[in-house]
């Protein structure tokens, strides 16, 4: 399930992980933060659930109709 609070927590952790890094490598720090944020976003997207309610039909042929549902 998508959770704004979980995503926010993980993004904050990504920034905190480089804030206290002793390294002066600014480019490397930015790359590490971007990588951790990307991992967070990909993980959140992969955890999404599609709740199909109705709208599609396939009576002996291709599926037609409008997908009705929501993403959680």
N, C-alpha and C. Protein backbone atom coordinates (compact mmCIF):
# COMPACT_ATOMS: atom_id res chain seq x y z
N UNK A 1 0.84 -1.17 0.00
CA UNK A 1 0.00 0.00 0.00
C UNK A 1 0.89 1.24 0.00
N UNK A 2 0.52 2.22 -0.79
CA UNK A 2 1.27 3.47 -0.82
C UNK A 2 1.02 4.24 0.47
N UNK A 3 2.10 4.70 1.09
CA UNK A 3 1.98 5.44 2.34
C UNK A 3 2.86 6.68 2.27
N UNK A 4 2.22 7.84 2.27
CA UNK A 4 2.96 9.10 2.22
C UNK A 4 3.94 9.20 3.38
N UNK A 5 3.50 8.80 4.57
CA UNK A 5 4.38 8.89 5.74
C UNK A 5 5.61 8.01 5.60
N UNK A 6 5.45 6.80 5.06
CA UNK A 6 6.60 5.91 4.86
C UNK A 6 7.56 6.49 3.83
N UNK A 7 7.02 7.03 2.73
CA UNK A 7 7.87 7.62 1.70
C UNK A 7 8.62 8.81 2.28
N UNK A 8 7.92 9.67 3.02
CA UNK A 8 8.55 10.84 3.64
C UNK A 8 9.66 10.42 4.59
N UNK A 9 9.39 9.40 5.40
CA UNK A 9 10.39 8.91 6.36
C UNK A 9 11.65 8.43 5.64
N UNK A 10 11.47 7.69 4.55
CA UNK A 10 12.61 7.17 3.80
C UNK A 10 13.40 8.28 3.10
N UNK A 11 12.71 9.30 2.61
CA UNK A 11 13.40 10.42 1.97
C UNK A 11 14.18 11.22 3.01
N UNK A 12 13.58 11.44 4.18
CA UNK A 12 14.31 12.13 5.25
C UNK A 12 15.56 11.34 5.64
N UNK A 13 15.42 10.02 5.72
CA UNK A 13 16.57 9.18 6.07
C UNK A 13 17.66 9.29 5.02
N UNK A 14 17.27 9.42 3.75
CA UNK A 14 18.26 9.56 2.68
C UNK A 14 19.07 10.84 2.88
N UNK A 15 18.40 11.94 3.20
CA UNK A 15 19.11 13.20 3.42
C UNK A 15 19.96 13.13 4.68
N UNK A 16 19.41 12.56 5.74
CA UNK A 16 20.16 12.46 6.99
C UNK A 16 21.41 11.61 6.83
N UNK A 17 21.35 10.60 5.98
CA UNK A 17 22.50 9.72 5.81
C UNK A 17 23.70 10.44 5.21
N UNK A 18 23.46 11.48 4.43
CA UNK A 18 24.60 12.23 3.86
C UNK A 18 24.90 13.50 4.63
N UNK A 19 23.96 13.98 5.45
CA UNK A 19 24.20 15.19 6.23
C UNK A 19 25.33 14.99 7.24
N UNK A 20 25.43 13.80 7.78
CA UNK A 20 26.42 13.53 8.82
C UNK A 20 27.64 12.79 8.29
N UNK A 21 27.73 12.73 6.97
CA UNK A 21 28.87 12.09 6.32
C UNK A 21 30.08 13.02 6.47
N UNK A 22 31.18 12.49 6.86
CA UNK A 22 32.39 13.30 7.05
C UNK A 22 33.03 13.70 5.73
N UNK A 23 32.61 13.14 4.65
CA UNK A 23 33.20 13.38 3.35
C UNK A 23 32.84 14.76 2.82
N UNK A 24 33.77 15.38 2.10
CA UNK A 24 33.52 16.66 1.45
C UNK A 24 33.07 16.46 0.01
N UNK A 25 32.80 15.25 -0.38
CA UNK A 25 32.43 14.93 -1.76
C UNK A 25 30.96 15.29 -2.01
N UNK A 26 30.73 16.54 -2.38
CA UNK A 26 29.36 17.03 -2.58
C UNK A 26 28.65 16.27 -3.71
N UNK A 27 29.34 16.05 -4.81
CA UNK A 27 28.74 15.34 -5.94
C UNK A 27 28.38 13.92 -5.54
N UNK A 28 29.26 13.27 -4.80
CA UNK A 28 28.98 11.91 -4.34
C UNK A 28 27.79 11.88 -3.38
N UNK A 29 27.71 12.88 -2.50
CA UNK A 29 26.60 12.95 -1.55
C UNK A 29 25.27 13.13 -2.29
N UNK A 30 25.26 14.01 -3.28
CA UNK A 30 24.05 14.23 -4.07
C UNK A 30 23.66 12.94 -4.79
N UNK A 31 24.64 12.25 -5.32
CA UNK A 31 24.36 10.99 -6.02
C UNK A 31 23.78 9.95 -5.07
N UNK A 32 24.33 9.87 -3.85
CA UNK A 32 23.83 8.90 -2.87
C UNK A 32 22.40 9.24 -2.45
N UNK A 33 22.10 10.53 -2.25
CA UNK A 33 20.73 10.93 -1.89
C UNK A 33 19.78 10.61 -3.03
N UNK A 34 20.17 10.96 -4.25
CA UNK A 34 19.31 10.69 -5.41
C UNK A 34 19.05 9.19 -5.55
N UNK A 35 20.07 8.38 -5.33
CA UNK A 35 19.91 6.93 -5.43
C UNK A 35 18.93 6.41 -4.38
N UNK A 36 19.07 6.90 -3.14
CA UNK A 36 18.17 6.45 -2.07
C UNK A 36 16.74 6.91 -2.31
N UNK A 37 16.55 8.12 -2.83
CA UNK A 37 15.20 8.60 -3.14
C UNK A 37 14.60 7.77 -4.27
N UNK A 38 15.42 7.48 -5.28
CA UNK A 38 14.94 6.65 -6.39
C UNK A 38 14.52 5.27 -5.88
N UNK A 39 15.31 4.67 -5.00
CA UNK A 39 14.94 3.37 -4.42
C UNK A 39 13.62 3.47 -3.66
N UNK A 40 13.43 4.56 -2.92
CA UNK A 40 12.20 4.76 -2.17
C UNK A 40 10.99 4.85 -3.09
N UNK A 41 11.13 5.63 -4.17
CA UNK A 41 10.02 5.81 -5.11
C UNK A 41 9.70 4.49 -5.81
N UNK A 42 10.72 3.78 -6.29
CA UNK A 42 10.49 2.50 -6.96
C UNK A 42 9.83 1.51 -6.00
N UNK A 43 10.30 1.46 -4.78
CA UNK A 43 9.71 0.55 -3.79
C UNK A 43 8.25 0.91 -3.53
N UNK A 44 7.95 2.20 -3.41
CA UNK A 44 6.57 2.62 -3.17
C UNK A 44 5.68 2.25 -4.34
N UNK A 45 6.14 2.47 -5.56
CA UNK A 45 5.35 2.14 -6.74
C UNK A 45 5.10 0.64 -6.80
N UNK A 46 6.13 -0.15 -6.52
CA UNK A 46 5.98 -1.60 -6.57
C UNK A 46 5.03 -2.11 -5.48
N UNK A 47 4.86 -1.35 -4.42
CA UNK A 47 3.97 -1.80 -3.34
C UNK A 47 2.52 -1.40 -3.57
N UNK A 48 2.25 -0.64 -4.61
CA UNK A 48 0.89 -0.19 -4.89
C UNK A 48 -0.01 -1.37 -5.23
N UNK A 49 -1.26 -1.24 -4.89
CA UNK A 49 -2.25 -2.27 -5.16
C UNK A 49 -3.35 -1.66 -6.02
N UNK A 50 -3.74 -2.37 -7.08
CA UNK A 50 -4.85 -1.94 -7.91
C UNK A 50 -6.10 -2.68 -7.44
N UNK A 51 -7.11 -1.92 -7.08
CA UNK A 51 -8.37 -2.50 -6.65
C UNK A 51 -9.37 -2.37 -7.80
N UNK A 52 -9.51 -3.43 -8.56
CA UNK A 52 -10.43 -3.44 -9.70
C UNK A 52 -11.85 -3.59 -9.19
N UNK A 53 -12.75 -2.75 -9.68
CA UNK A 53 -14.14 -2.86 -9.26
C UNK A 53 -15.03 -3.37 -10.38
N UNK A 54 -14.91 -2.82 -11.58
CA UNK A 54 -15.70 -3.32 -12.71
C UNK A 54 -15.34 -2.53 -13.97
N UNK A 55 -16.03 -2.83 -15.06
CA UNK A 55 -15.90 -2.04 -16.27
C UNK A 55 -15.37 -2.77 -17.48
N UNK A 56 -14.69 -3.88 -17.31
CA UNK A 56 -14.13 -4.58 -18.45
C UNK A 56 -14.93 -5.85 -18.75
N UNK A 57 -15.07 -6.14 -20.03
CA UNK A 57 -15.76 -7.36 -20.43
C UNK A 57 -14.95 -8.07 -21.51
N UNK A 58 -15.12 -9.37 -21.60
CA UNK A 58 -14.44 -10.18 -22.61
C UNK A 58 -15.30 -11.37 -22.99
N UNK A 59 -16.45 -11.12 -23.60
CA UNK A 59 -17.30 -12.24 -23.99
C UNK A 59 -16.81 -12.88 -25.28
N UNK A 60 -15.91 -13.84 -25.15
CA UNK A 60 -15.36 -14.57 -26.30
C UNK A 60 -14.62 -13.68 -27.28
N UNK A 61 -13.89 -12.71 -26.80
CA UNK A 61 -13.13 -11.82 -27.67
C UNK A 61 -12.18 -10.98 -26.85
N UNK A 62 -11.69 -9.90 -27.47
CA UNK A 62 -10.76 -9.04 -26.74
C UNK A 62 -11.45 -8.31 -25.58
N UNK A 63 -10.67 -7.99 -24.58
CA UNK A 63 -11.19 -7.25 -23.44
C UNK A 63 -11.53 -5.84 -23.89
N UNK A 64 -12.73 -5.37 -23.54
CA UNK A 64 -13.16 -4.02 -23.89
C UNK A 64 -13.75 -3.35 -22.66
N UNK A 65 -13.91 -2.05 -22.74
CA UNK A 65 -14.54 -1.30 -21.66
C UNK A 65 -13.57 -0.34 -21.03
N UNK A 66 -14.01 0.24 -19.95
CA UNK A 66 -13.22 1.22 -19.20
C UNK A 66 -12.91 0.61 -17.83
N UNK A 67 -11.64 0.59 -17.49
CA UNK A 67 -11.20 0.04 -16.21
C UNK A 67 -11.68 0.97 -15.10
N UNK A 68 -12.45 0.44 -14.18
CA UNK A 68 -12.91 1.19 -13.01
C UNK A 68 -12.24 0.59 -11.78
N UNK A 69 -11.55 1.42 -11.05
CA UNK A 69 -10.88 0.96 -9.86
C UNK A 69 -10.08 2.10 -9.26
N UNK A 70 -9.21 1.77 -8.32
CA UNK A 70 -8.36 2.79 -7.73
C UNK A 70 -7.03 2.18 -7.32
N UNK A 71 -6.09 3.05 -7.07
CA UNK A 71 -4.74 2.65 -6.69
C UNK A 71 -4.54 3.00 -5.23
N UNK A 72 -4.09 2.01 -4.45
CA UNK A 72 -3.82 2.27 -3.03
C UNK A 72 -2.42 1.86 -2.69
